[in-house]
Protein backbone atom coordinates (compact mmCIF):
# COMPACT_ATOMS: atom_id res chain seq x y z
CA MET A 1 -28.67 -10.16 3.61
CA VAL A 2 -25.22 -10.99 3.90
CA GLY A 3 -22.07 -8.31 3.09
CA PHE A 4 -19.40 -8.72 0.84
CA LYS A 5 -16.23 -10.55 1.27
CA ASN A 6 -13.28 -8.63 1.21
CA ARG A 7 -9.44 -9.23 1.80
CA TYR A 8 -7.69 -6.98 2.83
CA MET A 9 -3.80 -6.54 2.44
CA VAL A 10 -1.23 -4.04 3.68
CA MET A 11 1.98 -3.36 1.49
CA GLU A 12 5.77 -2.25 1.28
CA VAL A 13 6.31 -0.33 -1.36
CA LEU A 14 10.33 -0.56 -2.08
CA LEU A 15 10.74 2.13 -3.57
CA ASP A 16 14.31 1.55 -6.07
CA PRO A 17 15.52 -1.00 -4.17
CA ASN A 18 19.13 -1.20 -6.46
CA LYS A 19 19.77 2.18 -4.76
CA GLU A 20 20.91 2.96 -2.25
CA ILE A 21 18.67 4.30 0.26
CA SER A 22 18.43 8.47 -0.20
CA GLY A 23 16.58 11.53 1.64
CA ASP A 24 15.22 11.94 -1.81
CA ASP A 25 12.79 10.14 -3.45
CA PRO A 26 12.43 10.58 -7.21
CA ILE A 27 8.33 9.65 -6.60
CA VAL A 28 5.40 10.34 -4.31
CA VAL A 29 3.68 6.95 -3.14
CA THR A 30 0.08 7.93 -3.86
CA GLN A 31 -3.56 5.62 -3.80
CA PHE A 32 -3.43 6.53 -7.91
CA ASN A 33 0.11 5.73 -8.29
CA ILE A 34 -0.54 2.05 -6.78
CA SER A 35 -3.77 1.91 -7.93
CA LYS A 36 -3.04 2.40 -11.84
CA ALA A 37 0.16 0.18 -11.77
CA ILE A 38 -1.84 -3.10 -10.51
CA LYS A 39 -4.91 -2.41 -12.45
CA ASP A 40 -2.21 -1.79 -15.07
CA GLY A 41 -0.29 -4.99 -13.91
CA ILE A 42 -3.96 -7.24 -13.77
CA LEU A 43 -4.19 -5.61 -17.93
CA VAL A 44 -1.17 -7.74 -18.14
CA ASN A 45 -1.49 -10.81 -16.80
CA PHE A 46 -5.64 -11.49 -16.74
CA GLY A 47 -6.48 -8.90 -19.12
CA GLU A 48 -9.38 -6.99 -19.82
CA CYS A 49 -11.76 -10.11 -18.39
CA GLY A 50 -9.76 -10.35 -15.24
CA LEU A 51 -9.82 -7.12 -15.21
CA ALA A 52 -13.42 -6.37 -14.72
CA SER A 53 -13.87 -8.78 -12.86
CA SER A 54 -11.32 -7.79 -10.34
CA LEU A 55 -12.00 -3.86 -9.69
CA GLY A 56 -15.40 -4.64 -8.17
CA SER A 57 -14.06 -4.34 -4.54
CA PHE A 58 -10.36 -3.37 -5.65
CA GLN A 59 -9.44 -0.88 -3.43
CA VAL A 60 -6.22 1.38 -2.40
CA LYS A 61 -7.70 1.96 0.66
CA TYR A 62 -4.71 4.03 2.48
CA VAL A 63 -1.89 4.98 1.46
CA ASN A 64 1.32 6.99 3.82
CA PRO A 65 3.97 8.66 1.89
CA ILE A 66 6.44 8.62 4.67
CA THR A 67 6.56 4.64 5.44
CA LYS A 68 5.24 3.80 2.32
CA LEU A 69 2.65 1.16 3.72
CA CYS A 70 -0.38 0.72 1.26
CA VAL A 71 -3.35 -1.06 2.49
CA ILE A 72 -5.27 -2.87 -0.40
CA ARG A 73 -9.00 -4.19 -0.94
CA ALA A 74 -10.10 -7.61 -2.82
CA SER A 75 -13.10 -9.41 -3.57
CA ARG A 76 -12.36 -12.65 -0.98
CA ASP A 77 -13.09 -14.94 -4.56
CA GLU A 78 -10.12 -12.46 -6.05
CA TYR A 79 -7.58 -11.42 -4.49
CA GLN A 80 -4.97 -13.52 -5.33
CA LYS A 81 -5.19 -12.38 -8.60
CA ILE A 82 -4.51 -9.56 -7.59
CA TRP A 83 -1.98 -9.88 -5.35
CA SER A 84 -0.39 -11.98 -8.09
CA SER A 85 -0.33 -9.11 -9.99
CA VAL A 86 0.56 -6.80 -7.45
CA SER A 87 4.31 -9.39 -6.70
CA MET A 88 4.61 -8.60 -10.50
CA VAL A 89 4.40 -4.73 -10.46
CA ARG A 90 8.01 -3.21 -10.92
CA SER A 91 7.58 -0.09 -11.51
CA ILE A 92 5.43 3.04 -10.97
CA GLY A 93 5.54 5.49 -13.15
CA ASN A 94 9.91 5.33 -14.56
CA CYS A 95 10.53 4.34 -10.70
CA PRO A 96 11.34 0.81 -10.07
CA VAL A 97 9.19 -0.68 -7.18
CA LEU A 98 9.20 -4.03 -5.88
CA PHE A 99 5.91 -4.89 -3.43
CA ASN A 100 5.94 -6.90 -0.09
CA LEU A 101 3.43 -8.26 1.57
CA LEU A 102 3.07 -7.33 5.94
CA ASP A 103 -0.52 -8.77 6.08
CA LEU A 104 -3.50 -10.20 4.98
CA SER A 105 -7.24 -10.36 6.78
CA GLY A 106 -10.05 -10.86 6.50
CA SER A 107 -11.47 -7.45 8.35
CA ILE A 108 -10.99 -4.72 7.88
CA LYS A 109 -10.37 -4.82 12.08
CA ALA A 110 -7.52 -7.01 12.21
CA CYS A 111 -6.65 -4.64 9.28
CA LYS A 112 -6.34 -1.10 10.92
CA THR A 113 -4.43 -3.03 14.15
CA ALA A 114 -1.67 -4.55 11.34
CA THR A 115 -1.50 -1.30 9.75
CA LEU A 116 -0.93 0.79 13.19
CA LYS A 117 2.17 -1.59 14.73
CA CYS A 118 4.29 -1.38 11.37
CA ASP A 119 3.13 2.66 10.09
CA GLU A 120 4.55 3.18 14.31
CA LEU A 121 7.39 0.48 13.72
CA LYS A 122 8.30 2.04 10.74
CA PHE A 123 7.92 5.10 11.45
CA GLU A 124 10.58 4.90 14.26
CA GLN A 125 13.22 3.19 11.75
CA TYR A 126 12.23 6.69 9.47
CA LYS A 127 13.91 8.79 13.00
CA LEU A 128 16.30 6.68 13.50
CA MET A 129 17.75 7.33 9.98
CA VAL A 130 16.88 10.76 8.87
CA GLY A 131 18.13 11.87 12.83
CA ALA A 132 18.05 15.65 13.49
CA CYS A 133 16.97 16.49 9.61
CA LEU A 134 13.46 15.27 10.97
CA SER A 135 10.75 18.71 11.00
CA ALA A 136 8.31 19.04 12.27
CA ASP A 137 5.50 18.86 9.09
CA VAL A 138 7.10 15.43 8.77
CA THR A 139 5.55 14.72 11.77
CA GLN A 140 2.40 16.28 11.42
CA HIS A 141 1.90 13.77 8.35
CA MET A 142 2.50 11.41 10.39
CA GLN A 143 0.49 12.18 12.64
CA ASN A 144 -2.50 12.64 9.93
CA CYS A 145 -1.83 9.13 8.75
CA LEU A 146 -2.39 7.49 11.20
CA GLU A 147 -5.53 8.75 12.80
CA LYS A 148 -6.34 8.71 8.86
CA ILE A 149 -6.03 4.53 9.25
CA ARG A 150 -7.22 4.90 13.30
CA ILE A 151 -10.78 6.21 11.35
CA LEU A 152 -10.23 3.67 8.59
CA GLU A 153 -14.23 2.02 7.53
CA HIS A 154 -14.90 -0.07 4.93
């Protein structure tokens, strides 16, 4: 028996790129928000048949609302369609966004390694930006997110 061949995309969500960086984001990045925006993009760009063929293995596996990183799973046959739709997503809700592909891999293990590295680097950057205003809750939430990515499986 052959397992499904998937691709994993580590994406960075850039919120409101034309606005100056502020402490309050207009929208919280969640698995539901990202998944809905991508599905809407597939529907607009590839129609109902394109959406139906993509939904078989499409899943937003991981989202970190602090560092704005997410992991998207797609089948090997459909990942280019999903990737192109993601690149055409311009808003989540009413908040303008851009997606940046950081890593594309064929295994969850390689994806976990890349995501951990990116998450840790982005959190260090976040700590430098926030400075002394960093709360213990944010640090604990980040540790929980890192733990989630470490145990990520199919």
